[in-house]
Amino acid sequence: VQLQASGGGLVQAGGSLRLSCAASGRSVSSYGMGWFRQAPGKEREFVSTISWSGGTTAYADSVKGRFTISRDNAKNTVYLQMNSLKPEDAAVYYCAARLRGWATREAYEYDYWGYWGQGTQVTVSS
């Protein structure tokens, strides 16, 4: 499966963005999906995940209550709605996929994921 992330941009602190991850080559309905981010000089970190069934989600503590992950299998796309953005949310955001992936603690690890898209830049001004 190929993944294409989009929707990044420049936003003021407190604002919102919605990232999209469009899949091609395979139906995303069989894949658990995740979002990670990487700020300059830092390691790539887990943000959120949704199980392949869509029934379970998980979030990093730093984004819980502000970000929402969702999926639209008909459009073969996964979304990350980001509200109340903070300057520390600025990073390159990456989407990832794993066949029959579940939203467990394992999904917090980079090595769990089999497929990655290119990143989309999110910049938050204070």
C-alpha atoms as a PDB file:
ATOM      1  CA  VAL A   1       0.000   0.000   0.000  1.00  0.00           C
ATOM      2  CA  GLN A   2       1.219   3.501  -0.837  1.00  0.00           C
ATOM      3  CA  LEU A   3       0.433   6.391   1.474  1.00  0.00           C
ATOM      4  CA  GLN A   4       0.238  10.087   0.697  1.00  0.00           C
ATOM      5  CA  ALA A   5      -0.061  12.557   3.547  1.00  0.00           C
ATOM      6  CA  SER A   6      -1.339  16.074   3.000  1.00  0.00           C
ATOM      7  CA  GLY A   7      -3.004  18.967   4.771  1.00  0.00           C
ATOM      8  CA  GLY A   8      -0.083  20.470   6.608  1.00  0.00           C
ATOM      9  CA  GLY A   9       0.561  24.177   6.687  1.00  0.00           C
ATOM     10  CA  LEU A  10       1.089  27.236   8.824  1.00  0.00           C
ATOM     11  CA  VAL A  11      -1.422  27.959  11.564  1.00  0.00           C
ATOM     12  CA  GLN A  12      -1.520  30.210  14.590  1.00  0.00           C
ATOM     13  CA  ALA A  13      -1.463  28.747  18.068  1.00  0.00           C
ATOM     14  CA  GLY A  14      -4.986  27.756  19.027  1.00  0.00           C
ATOM     15  CA  GLY A  15      -5.932  27.044  15.445  1.00  0.00           C
ATOM     16  CA  SER A  16      -6.854  23.822  13.684  1.00  0.00           C
ATOM     17  CA  LEU A  17      -5.668  21.697  10.799  1.00  0.00           C
ATOM     18  CA  ARG A  18      -6.883  18.445   9.329  1.00  0.00           C
ATOM     19  CA  LEU A  19      -4.313  16.085   7.919  1.00  0.00           C
ATOM     20  CA  SER A  20      -5.248  13.450   5.374  1.00  0.00           C
ATOM     21  CA  CYS A  21      -3.516  10.207   4.503  1.00  0.00           C
ATOM     22  CA  ALA A  22      -4.706   8.807   1.194  1.00  0.00           C
ATOM     23  CA  ALA A  23      -3.907   5.176   0.464  1.00  0.00           C
ATOM     24  CA  SER A  24      -3.521   3.573  -2.930  1.00  0.00           C
ATOM     25  CA  GLY A  25      -2.700   0.132  -4.183  1.00  0.00           C
ATOM     26  CA  ARG A  26      -4.714  -1.657  -1.522  1.00  0.00           C
ATOM     27  CA  SER A  27      -7.903  -1.012   0.388  1.00  0.00           C
ATOM     28  CA  VAL A  28      -7.084   0.748   3.624  1.00  0.00           C
ATOM     29  CA  SER A  29      -9.950  -1.092   5.308  1.00  0.00           C
ATOM     30  CA  SER A  30      -7.642  -3.993   6.142  1.00  0.00           C
ATOM     31  CA  TYR A  31      -4.979  -1.800   7.692  1.00  0.00           C
ATOM     32  CA  GLY A  32      -4.454  -0.291  11.069  1.00  0.00           C
ATOM     33  CA  MET A  33      -3.347   3.292  10.534  1.00  0.00           C
ATOM     34  CA  GLY A  34      -1.178   5.618  12.536  1.00  0.00           C
ATOM     35  CA  TRP A  35       0.228   9.100  12.701  1.00  0.00           C
ATOM     36  CA  PHE A  36       3.704   9.998  13.922  1.00  0.00           C
ATOM     37  CA  ARG A  37       5.554  13.277  13.976  1.00  0.00           C
ATOM     38  CA  GLN A  38       9.147  14.400  13.986  1.00  0.00           C
ATOM     39  CA  ALA A  39      10.399  17.807  15.028  1.00  0.00           C
ATOM     40  CA  PRO A  40      13.892  19.034  14.090  1.00  0.00           C
ATOM     41  CA  GLY A  41      16.552  17.360  16.202  1.00  0.00           C
ATOM     42  CA  LYS A  42      14.086  14.960  17.778  1.00  0.00           C
ATOM     43  CA  GLU A  43      13.124  11.361  17.249  1.00  0.00           C
ATOM     44  CA  ARG A  44       9.961  10.415  15.434  1.00  0.00           C
ATOM     45  CA  GLU A  45       7.205  10.070  18.005  1.00  0.00           C
ATOM     46  CA  PHE A  46       3.824   8.416  18.102  1.00  0.00           C
ATOM     47  CA  VAL A  47       0.768  10.645  17.820  1.00  0.00           C
ATOM     48  CA  SER A  48      -2.279   8.489  17.214  1.00  0.00           C
ATOM     49  CA  THR A  49      -3.544   5.215  15.812  1.00  0.00           C
ATOM     50  CA  ILE A  50      -6.808   3.642  14.709  1.00  0.00           C
ATOM     51  CA  SER A  51      -7.377  -0.080  14.424  1.00  0.00           C
ATOM     52  CA  TRP A  52      -8.096  -1.734  11.110  1.00  0.00           C
ATOM     53  CA  SER A  53     -11.676  -2.312  12.284  1.00  0.00           C
ATOM     54  CA  GLY A  54     -12.000   1.357  13.175  1.00  0.00           C
ATOM     55  CA  GLY A  55     -13.316   0.444  16.582  1.00  0.00           C
ATOM     56  CA  THR A  56     -10.319   1.404  18.671  1.00  0.00           C
ATOM     57  CA  THR A  57      -8.148   4.485  18.786  1.00  0.00           C
ATOM     58  CA  ALA A  58      -5.213   5.601  20.884  1.00  0.00           C
ATOM     59  CA  TYR A  59      -3.429   8.888  21.396  1.00  0.00           C
ATOM     60  CA  ALA A  60      -0.211  10.191  22.848  1.00  0.00           C
ATOM     61  CA  ASP A  61      -0.819  11.975  26.120  1.00  0.00           C
ATOM     62  CA  SER A  62       0.444  15.216  24.602  1.00  0.00           C
ATOM     63  CA  VAL A  63      -2.387  15.338  22.051  1.00  0.00           C
ATOM     64  CA  LYS A  64      -5.203  13.603  23.903  1.00  0.00           C
ATOM     65  CA  GLY A  65      -8.349  15.696  23.906  1.00  0.00           C
ATOM     66  CA  ARG A  66      -7.103  17.922  21.081  1.00  0.00           C
ATOM     67  CA  PHE A  67      -6.502  15.524  18.184  1.00  0.00           C
ATOM     68  CA  THR A  68      -8.942  13.060  16.650  1.00  0.00           C
ATOM     69  CA  ILE A  69      -8.094  10.247  14.274  1.00  0.00           C
ATOM     70  CA  SER A  70     -10.734   8.850  11.949  1.00  0.00           C
ATOM     71  CA  ARG A  71     -10.999   6.788   8.811  1.00  0.00           C
ATOM     72  CA  ASP A  72     -13.201   6.767   5.729  1.00  0.00           C
ATOM     73  CA  ASN A  73     -12.714   3.416   4.069  1.00  0.00           C
ATOM     74  CA  ALA A  74     -14.910   4.401   1.138  1.00  0.00           C
ATOM     75  CA  LYS A  75     -12.428   7.170   0.342  1.00  0.00           C
ATOM     76  CA  ASN A  76      -9.440   5.031   1.318  1.00  0.00           C
ATOM     77  CA  THR A  77      -8.328   7.856   3.574  1.00  0.00           C
ATOM     78  CA  VAL A  78      -7.442   8.400   7.206  1.00  0.00           C
ATOM     79  CA  TYR A  79      -7.637  11.790   8.872  1.00  0.00           C
ATOM     80  CA  LEU A  80      -6.070  13.530  11.819  1.00  0.00           C
ATOM     81  CA  GLN A  81      -8.103  16.480  13.053  1.00  0.00           C
ATOM     82  CA  MET A  82      -5.857  18.729  15.111  1.00  0.00           C
ATOM     83  CA  ASN A  83      -7.440  21.401  17.289  1.00  0.00           C
ATOM     84  CA  SER A  84      -6.042  23.846  19.814  1.00  0.00           C
ATOM     85  CA  LEU A  85      -2.648  23.588  18.195  1.00  0.00           C
ATOM     86  CA  LYS A  86       0.405  24.568  20.206  1.00  0.00           C
ATOM     87  CA  PRO A  87       3.868  25.609  19.022  1.00  0.00           C
ATOM     88  CA  GLU A  88       5.195  22.295  20.346  1.00  0.00           C
ATOM     89  CA  ASP A  89       2.951  20.463  17.855  1.00  0.00           C
ATOM     90  CA  ALA A  90       5.057  21.806  14.999  1.00  0.00           C
ATOM     91  CA  ALA A  91       6.711  18.926  13.173  1.00  0.00           C
ATOM     92  CA  VAL A  92       6.659  16.854  10.038  1.00  0.00           C
ATOM     93  CA  TYR A  93       3.711  14.481  10.346  1.00  0.00           C
ATOM     94  CA  TYR A  94       3.865  10.999   8.864  1.00  0.00           C
ATOM     95  CA  CYS A  95       1.147   8.432   8.341  1.00  0.00           C
ATOM     96  CA  ALA A  96       1.780   4.720   8.610  1.00  0.00           C
ATOM     97  CA  ALA A  97      -0.048   1.465   7.955  1.00  0.00           C
ATOM     98  CA  ARG A  98       0.066  -2.089   9.203  1.00  0.00           C
ATOM     99  CA  LEU A  99      -2.007  -4.952   7.865  1.00  0.00           C
ATOM    100  CA  ARG A 100      -4.623  -5.924  10.470  1.00  0.00           C
ATOM    101  CA  GLY A 101      -3.046  -3.488  12.876  1.00  0.00           C
ATOM    102  CA  TRP A 102      -4.598  -2.871  16.286  1.00  0.00           C
ATOM    103  CA  ALA A 103      -4.483   0.205  18.481  1.00  0.00           C
ATOM    104  CA  THR A 104      -2.324  -1.408  21.146  1.00  0.00           C
ATOM    105  CA  ARG A 105       0.820  -0.197  22.884  1.00  0.00           C
ATOM    106  CA  GLU A 106       2.857  -1.918  20.209  1.00  0.00           C
ATOM    107  CA  ALA A 107       1.503   0.630  17.749  1.00  0.00           C
ATOM    108  CA  TYR A 108       3.384   3.353  19.617  1.00  0.00           C
ATOM    109  CA  GLU A 109       6.643   1.939  18.251  1.00  0.00           C
ATOM    110  CA  TYR A 110       8.159   2.895  14.926  1.00  0.00           C
ATOM    111  CA  ASP A 111       9.062  -0.720  14.101  1.00  0.00           C
ATOM    112  CA  TYR A 112       5.438  -1.854  14.371  1.00  0.00           C
ATOM    113  CA  TRP A 113       4.523  -0.216  11.110  1.00  0.00           C
ATOM    114  CA  GLY A 114       5.151  -1.759   7.714  1.00  0.00           C
ATOM    115  CA  TYR A 115       4.337   1.142   5.449  1.00  0.00           C
ATOM    116  CA  TRP A 116       5.061   4.848   5.644  1.00  0.00           C
ATOM    117  CA  GLY A 117       4.011   7.859   3.667  1.00  0.00           C
ATOM    118  CA  GLN A 118       6.038  10.960   3.054  1.00  0.00           C
ATOM    119  CA  GLY A 119       5.601  13.674   5.633  1.00  0.00           C
ATOM    120  CA  THR A 120       3.572  16.829   5.665  1.00  0.00           C
ATOM    121  CA  GLN A 121       4.888  19.881   7.484  1.00  0.00           C
ATOM    122  CA  VAL A 122       2.890  21.493  10.270  1.00  0.00           C
ATOM    123  CA  THR A 123       4.076  24.869  11.523  1.00  0.00           C
ATOM    124  CA  VAL A 124       2.440  26.572  14.489  1.00  0.00           C
ATOM    125  CA  SER A 125       3.181  30.214  15.179  1.00  0.00           C
ATOM    126  CA  SER A 126       2.920  31.602  18.679  1.00  0.00           C
END
